[in-house]
Amino acid sequence: MALVKVILVSGADVEIETTSAQADDMVAAFARYAFEKRVPEKRTILTPSQSVYVDYSKVAIVRREF
């Protein structure tokens, strides 16, 4: 398991517990968005019954904690 910390432009932060592969994908998607301004898929499926939507235009930092 991994912890992803999403810090919004407003200063608020959200922690998302997910698998290592999903955490890496979320960080990479934000990096691509920041570099290329290409909007990634906003929905990330965490488990069969849980998903999260991230609007990268409102995000300042996405980092993997562990």
PDB file of N, CA and C in Angstrom:
ATOM      1  N   MET A   1       0.842  -1.185   0.000  1.00  0.00           N
ATOM      2  CA  MET A   1       0.000   0.000   0.000  1.00  0.00           C
ATOM      3  C   MET A   1       0.887   1.248   0.000  1.00  0.00           C
ATOM      4  N   ALA A   2       0.321   2.323  -0.516  1.00  0.00           N
ATOM      5  CA  ALA A   2       1.026   3.594  -0.597  1.00  0.00           C
ATOM      6  C   ALA A   2       0.064   4.711  -0.209  1.00  0.00           C
ATOM      7  N   LEU A   3       0.626   5.810   0.212  1.00  0.00           N
ATOM      8  CA  LEU A   3      -0.158   6.980   0.569  1.00  0.00           C
ATOM      9  C   LEU A   3       0.187   8.095  -0.411  1.00  0.00           C
ATOM     10  N   VAL A   4      -0.830   8.654  -1.047  1.00  0.00           N
ATOM     11  CA  VAL A   4      -0.645   9.767  -1.977  1.00  0.00           C
ATOM     12  C   VAL A   4      -1.214  11.011  -1.312  1.00  0.00           C
ATOM     13  N   LYS A   5      -0.413  12.060  -1.258  1.00  0.00           N
ATOM     14  CA  LYS A   5      -0.874  13.328  -0.688  1.00  0.00           C
ATOM     15  C   LYS A   5      -1.108  14.287  -1.848  1.00  0.00           C
ATOM     16  N   VAL A   6      -2.336  14.789  -1.955  1.00  0.00           N
ATOM     17  CA  VAL A   6      -2.721  15.746  -2.989  1.00  0.00           C
ATOM     18  C   VAL A   6      -2.931  17.082  -2.288  1.00  0.00           C
ATOM     19  N   ILE A   7      -2.105  18.074  -2.653  1.00  0.00           N
ATOM     20  CA  ILE A   7      -2.221  19.403  -2.063  1.00  0.00           C
ATOM     21  C   ILE A   7      -2.853  20.319  -3.100  1.00  0.00           C
ATOM     22  N   LEU A   8      -3.981  20.900  -2.728  1.00  0.00           N
ATOM     23  CA  LEU A   8      -4.731  21.760  -3.633  1.00  0.00           C
ATOM     24  C   LEU A   8      -4.146  23.169  -3.657  1.00  0.00           C
ATOM     25  N   VAL A   9      -4.473  23.920  -4.695  1.00  0.00           N
ATOM     26  CA  VAL A   9      -4.024  25.299  -4.824  1.00  0.00           C
ATOM     27  C   VAL A   9      -4.488  26.121  -3.629  1.00  0.00           C
ATOM     28  N   SER A  10      -5.633  25.799  -3.088  1.00  0.00           N
ATOM     29  CA  SER A  10      -6.175  26.518  -1.927  1.00  0.00           C
ATOM     30  C   SER A  10      -5.383  26.260  -0.649  1.00  0.00           C
ATOM     31  N   GLY A  11      -4.521  25.249  -0.651  1.00  0.00           N
ATOM     32  CA  GLY A  11      -3.733  24.910   0.526  1.00  0.00           C
ATOM     33  C   GLY A  11      -4.245  23.688   1.263  1.00  0.00           C
ATOM     34  N   ALA A  12      -5.458  23.289   0.981  1.00  0.00           N
ATOM     35  CA  ALA A  12      -6.015  22.087   1.619  1.00  0.00           C
ATOM     36  C   ALA A  12      -5.297  20.855   1.073  1.00  0.00           C
ATOM     37  N   ASP A  13      -5.248  19.816   1.883  1.00  0.00           N
ATOM     38  CA  ASP A  13      -4.638  18.586   1.386  1.00  0.00           C
ATOM     39  C   ASP A  13      -5.541  17.391   1.627  1.00  0.00           C
ATOM     40  N   VAL A  14      -5.355  16.390   0.769  1.00  0.00           N
ATOM     41  CA  VAL A  14      -6.138  15.164   0.825  1.00  0.00           C
ATOM     42  C   VAL A  14      -5.164  14.003   0.759  1.00  0.00           C
ATOM     43  N   GLU A  15      -5.362  13.011   1.601  1.00  0.00           N
ATOM     44  CA  GLU A  15      -4.534  11.814   1.570  1.00  0.00           C
ATOM     45  C   GLU A  15      -5.356  10.659   1.028  1.00  0.00           C
ATOM     46  N   ILE A  16      -4.760   9.911   0.098  1.00  0.00           N
ATOM     47  CA  ILE A  16      -5.438   8.784  -0.534  1.00  0.00           C
ATOM     48  C   ILE A  16      -4.564   7.547  -0.352  1.00  0.00           C
ATOM     49  N   GLU A  17      -5.118   6.516   0.264  1.00  0.00           N
ATOM     50  CA  GLU A  17      -4.395   5.266   0.425  1.00  0.00           C
ATOM     51  C   GLU A  17      -4.747   4.361  -0.750  1.00  0.00           C
ATOM     52  N   THR A  18      -3.734   3.881  -1.442  1.00  0.00           N
ATOM     53  CA  THR A  18      -3.928   3.095  -2.651  1.00  0.00           C
ATOM     54  C   THR A  18      -2.764   2.130  -2.835  1.00  0.00           C
ATOM     55  N   THR A  19      -2.785   1.379  -3.924  1.00  0.00           N
ATOM     56  CA  THR A  19      -1.671   0.466  -4.203  1.00  0.00           C
ATOM     57  C   THR A  19      -0.469   1.270  -4.707  1.00  0.00           C
ATOM     58  N   SER A  20       0.688   0.667  -4.673  1.00  0.00           N
ATOM     59  CA  SER A  20       1.903   1.330  -5.146  1.00  0.00           C
ATOM     60  C   SER A  20       1.800   1.705  -6.616  1.00  0.00           C
ATOM     61  N   ALA A  21       1.268   0.817  -7.429  1.00  0.00           N
ATOM     62  CA  ALA A  21       1.139   1.086  -8.868  1.00  0.00           C
ATOM     63  C   ALA A  21       0.189   2.249  -9.128  1.00  0.00           C
ATOM     64  N   GLN A  22      -0.937   2.284  -8.418  1.00  0.00           N
ATOM     65  CA  GLN A  22      -1.889   3.383  -8.598  1.00  0.00           C
ATOM     66  C   GLN A  22      -1.292   4.703  -8.118  1.00  0.00           C
ATOM     67  N   ALA A  23      -0.528   4.661  -7.031  1.00  0.00           N
ATOM     68  CA  ALA A  23       0.126   5.869  -6.531  1.00  0.00           C
ATOM     69  C   ALA A  23       1.103   6.408  -7.569  1.00  0.00           C
ATOM     70  N   ASP A  24       1.892   5.530  -8.142  1.00  0.00           N
ATOM     71  CA  ASP A  24       2.837   5.940  -9.181  1.00  0.00           C
ATOM     72  C   ASP A  24       2.103   6.530 -10.381  1.00  0.00           C
ATOM     73  N   ASP A  25       0.993   5.920 -10.753  1.00  0.00           N
ATOM     74  CA  ASP A  25       0.196   6.415 -11.890  1.00  0.00           C
ATOM     75  C   ASP A  25      -0.377   7.805 -11.609  1.00  0.00           C
ATOM     76  N   MET A  26      -0.840   8.044 -10.392  1.00  0.00           N
ATOM     77  CA  MET A  26      -1.401   9.346 -10.055  1.00  0.00           C
ATOM     78  C   MET A  26      -0.329  10.438 -10.098  1.00  0.00           C
ATOM     79  N   VAL A  27       0.850  10.139  -9.567  1.00  0.00           N
ATOM     80  CA  VAL A  27       1.942  11.108  -9.579  1.00  0.00           C
ATOM     81  C   VAL A  27       2.378  11.379 -11.018  1.00  0.00           C
ATOM     82  N   ALA A  28       2.489  10.320 -11.817  1.00  0.00           N
ATOM     83  CA  ALA A  28       2.883  10.474 -13.222  1.00  0.00           C
ATOM     84  C   ALA A  28       1.837  11.258 -14.016  1.00  0.00           C
ATOM     85  N   ALA A  29       0.565  11.012 -13.757  1.00  0.00           N
ATOM     86  CA  ALA A  29      -0.501  11.733 -14.463  1.00  0.00           C
ATOM     87  C   ALA A  29      -0.437  13.218 -14.150  1.00  0.00           C
ATOM     88  N   PHE A  30      -0.180  13.567 -12.899  1.00  0.00           N
ATOM     89  CA  PHE A  30      -0.071  14.987 -12.557  1.00  0.00           C
ATOM     90  C   PHE A  30       1.164  15.609 -13.191  1.00  0.00           C
ATOM     91  N   ALA A  31       2.262  14.872 -13.218  1.00  0.00           N
ATOM     92  CA  ALA A  31       3.485  15.389 -13.845  1.00  0.00           C
ATOM     93  C   ALA A  31       3.264  15.648 -15.330  1.00  0.00           C
ATOM     94  N   ARG A  32       2.574  14.725 -16.015  1.00  0.00           N
ATOM     95  CA  ARG A  32       2.265  14.933 -17.433  1.00  0.00           C
ATOM     96  C   ARG A  32       1.369  16.149 -17.610  1.00  0.00           C
ATOM     97  N   TYR A  33       0.393  16.298 -16.729  1.00  0.00           N
ATOM     98  CA  TYR A  33      -0.511  17.449 -16.816  1.00  0.00           C
ATOM     99  C   TYR A  33       0.280  18.755 -16.640  1.00  0.00           C
ATOM    100  N   ALA A  34       1.158  18.791 -15.641  1.00  0.00           N
ATOM    101  CA  ALA A  34       1.925  20.007 -15.366  1.00  0.00           C
ATOM    102  C   ALA A  34       2.890  20.328 -16.504  1.00  0.00           C
ATOM    103  N   PHE A  35       3.482  19.314 -17.112  1.00  0.00           N
ATOM    104  CA  PHE A  35       4.469  19.539 -18.162  1.00  0.00           C
ATOM    105  C   PHE A  35       3.836  19.787 -19.527  1.00  0.00           C
ATOM    106  N   GLU A  36       2.870  18.965 -19.887  1.00  0.00           N
ATOM    107  CA  GLU A  36       2.294  19.012 -21.232  1.00  0.00           C
ATOM    108  C   GLU A  36       0.939  19.706 -21.300  1.00  0.00           C
ATOM    109  N   LYS A  37       0.352  20.006 -20.135  1.00  0.00           N
ATOM    110  CA  LYS A  37      -1.010  20.548 -20.060  1.00  0.00           C
ATOM    111  C   LYS A  37      -2.024  19.609 -20.712  1.00  0.00           C
ATOM    112  N   ARG A  38      -1.702  18.333 -20.736  1.00  0.00           N
ATOM    113  CA  ARG A  38      -2.615  17.310 -21.248  1.00  0.00           C
ATOM    114  C   ARG A  38      -3.445  16.798 -20.072  1.00  0.00           C
ATOM    115  N   VAL A  39      -4.736  16.950 -20.168  1.00  0.00           N
ATOM    116  CA  VAL A  39      -5.625  16.559 -19.065  1.00  0.00           C
ATOM    117  C   VAL A  39      -5.727  15.036 -19.001  1.00  0.00           C
ATOM    118  N   PRO A  40      -5.305  14.445 -17.881  1.00  0.00           N
ATOM    119  CA  PRO A  40      -5.404  12.993 -17.737  1.00  0.00           C
ATOM    120  C   PRO A  40      -6.819  12.574 -17.349  1.00  0.00           C
ATOM    121  N   GLU A  41      -7.047  11.304 -17.362  1.00  0.00           N
ATOM    122  CA  GLU A  41      -8.315  10.749 -16.876  1.00  0.00           C
ATOM    123  C   GLU A  41      -8.464  11.173 -15.421  1.00  0.00           C
ATOM    124  N   LYS A  42      -9.595  11.758 -15.069  1.00  0.00           N
ATOM    125  CA  LYS A  42      -9.788  12.264 -13.713  1.00  0.00           C
ATOM    126  C   LYS A  42     -10.191  11.174 -12.731  1.00  0.00           C
ATOM    127  N   ARG A  43     -10.748  10.092 -13.221  1.00  0.00           N
ATOM    128  CA  ARG A  43     -11.237   9.046 -12.312  1.00  0.00           C
ATOM    129  C   ARG A  43     -10.164   7.986 -12.125  1.00  0.00           C
ATOM    130  N   THR A  44      -9.878   7.684 -10.873  1.00  0.00           N
ATOM    131  CA  THR A  44      -8.958   6.614 -10.522  1.00  0.00           C
ATOM    132  C   THR A  44      -9.746   5.601  -9.706  1.00  0.00           C
ATOM    133  N   ILE A  45      -9.795   4.371 -10.169  1.00  0.00           N
ATOM    134  CA  ILE A  45     -10.507   3.317  -9.449  1.00  0.00           C
ATOM    135  C   ILE A  45      -9.551   2.723  -8.424  1.00  0.00           C
ATOM    136  N   LEU A  46      -9.909   2.863  -7.159  1.00  0.00           N
ATOM    137  CA  LEU A  46      -9.073   2.351  -6.078  1.00  0.00           C
ATOM    138  C   LEU A  46      -9.356   0.885  -5.798  1.00  0.00           C
ATOM    139  N   THR A  47     -10.627   0.555  -5.657  1.00  0.00           N
ATOM    140  CA  THR A  47     -11.070  -0.818  -5.439  1.00  0.00           C
ATOM    141  C   THR A  47     -12.344  -0.988  -6.271  1.00  0.00           C
ATOM    142  N   PRO A  48     -12.862  -2.184  -6.373  1.00  0.00           N
ATOM    143  CA  PRO A  48     -14.106  -2.351  -7.127  1.00  0.00           C
ATOM    144  C   PRO A  48     -15.265  -1.479  -6.621  1.00  0.00           C
ATOM    145  N   SER A  49     -15.212  -1.072  -5.369  1.00  0.00           N
ATOM    146  CA  SER A  49     -16.310  -0.255  -4.826  1.00  0.00           C
ATOM    147  C   SER A  49     -15.902   1.180  -4.490  1.00  0.00           C
ATOM    148  N   GLN A  50     -14.654   1.568  -4.784  1.00  0.00           N
ATOM    149  CA  GLN A  50     -14.199   2.917  -4.462  1.00  0.00           C
ATOM    150  C   GLN A  50     -13.451   3.529  -5.639  1.00  0.00           C
ATOM    151  N   SER A  51     -13.719   4.802  -5.886  1.00  0.00           N
ATOM    152  CA  SER A  51     -12.954   5.534  -6.893  1.00  0.00           C
ATOM    153  C   SER A  51     -12.815   6.969  -6.420  1.00  0.00           C
ATOM    154  N   VAL A  52     -11.887   7.687  -7.037  1.00  0.00           N
ATOM    155  CA  VAL A  52     -11.644   9.070  -6.668  1.00  0.00           C
ATOM    156  C   VAL A  52     -11.514   9.885  -7.952  1.00  0.00           C
ATOM    157  N   TYR A  53     -12.053  11.097  -7.921  1.00  0.00           N
ATOM    158  CA  TYR A  53     -11.950  12.028  -9.040  1.00  0.00           C
ATOM    159  C   TYR A  53     -11.005  13.154  -8.628  1.00  0.00           C
ATOM    160  N   VAL A  54     -10.027  13.467  -9.465  1.00  0.00           N
ATOM    161  CA  VAL A  54      -9.086  14.537  -9.184  1.00  0.00           C
ATOM    162  C   VAL A  54      -9.128  15.542 -10.334  1.00  0.00           C
ATOM    163  N   ASP A  55      -9.436  16.793 -10.024  1.00  0.00           N
ATOM    164  CA  ASP A  55      -9.394  17.865 -11.015  1.00  0.00           C
ATOM    165  C   ASP A  55      -7.998  18.485 -10.939  1.00  0.00           C
ATOM    166  N   TYR A  56      -7.110  18.049 -11.831  1.00  0.00           N
ATOM    167  CA  TYR A  56      -5.711  18.468 -11.764  1.00  0.00           C
ATOM    168  C   TYR A  56      -5.512  19.967 -11.958  1.00  0.00           C
ATOM    169  N   SER A  57      -6.493  20.674 -12.501  1.00  0.00           N
ATOM    170  CA  SER A  57      -6.355  22.123 -12.656  1.00  0.00           C
ATOM    171  C   SER A  57      -6.428  22.837 -11.307  1.00  0.00           C
ATOM    172  N   LYS A  58      -6.887  22.164 -10.277  1.00  0.00           N
ATOM    173  CA  LYS A  58      -6.995  22.757  -8.942  1.00  0.00           C
ATOM    174  C   LYS A  58      -5.952  22.196  -7.979  1.00  0.00           C
ATOM    175  N   VAL A  59      -4.985  21.432  -8.515  1.00  0.00           N
ATOM    176  CA  VAL A  59      -3.986  20.759  -7.700  1.00  0.00           C
ATOM    177  C   VAL A  59      -2.646  21.465  -7.837  1.00  0.00           C
ATOM    178  N   ALA A  60      -1.957  21.664  -6.711  1.00  0.00           N
ATOM    179  CA  ALA A  60      -0.622  22.265  -6.706  1.00  0.00           C
ATOM    180  C   ALA A  60       0.456  21.190  -6.710  1.00  0.00           C
ATOM    181  N   ILE A  61       0.289  20.164  -5.876  1.00  0.00           N
ATOM    182  CA  ILE A  61       1.309  19.124  -5.722  1.00  0.00           C
ATOM    183  C   ILE A  61       0.634  17.771  -5.518  1.00  0.00           C
ATOM    184  N   VAL A  62       1.200  16.739  -6.151  1.00  0.00           N
ATOM    185  CA  VAL A  62       0.803  15.358  -5.877  1.00  0.00           C
ATOM    186  C   VAL A  62       2.084  14.618  -5.541  1.00  0.00           C
ATOM    187  N   ARG A  63       2.133  14.019  -4.369  1.00  0.00           N
ATOM    188  CA  ARG A  63       3.353  13.282  -4.023  1.00  0.00           C
ATOM    189  C   ARG A  63       3.006  11.986  -3.331  1.00  0.00           C
ATOM    190  N   ARG A  64       3.889  11.046  -3.492  1.00  0.00           N
ATOM    191  CA  ARG A  64       3.734   9.736  -2.855  1.00  0.00           C
ATOM    192  C   ARG A  64       4.499   9.743  -1.554  1.00  0.00           C
ATOM    193  N   GLU A  65       3.835   9.403  -0.480  1.00  0.00           N
ATOM    194  CA  GLU A  65       4.466   9.424   0.840  1.00  0.00           C
ATOM    195  C   GLU A  65       5.279   8.160   1.122  1.00  0.00           C
ATOM    196  N   PHE A  66       4.725   7.011   0.819  1.00  0.00           N
ATOM    197  CA  PHE A  66       5.463   5.735   1.009  1.00  0.00           C
ATOM    198  C   PHE A  66       4.877   4.682   0.140  1.00  0.00           C
TER     199      PHE A  66
END
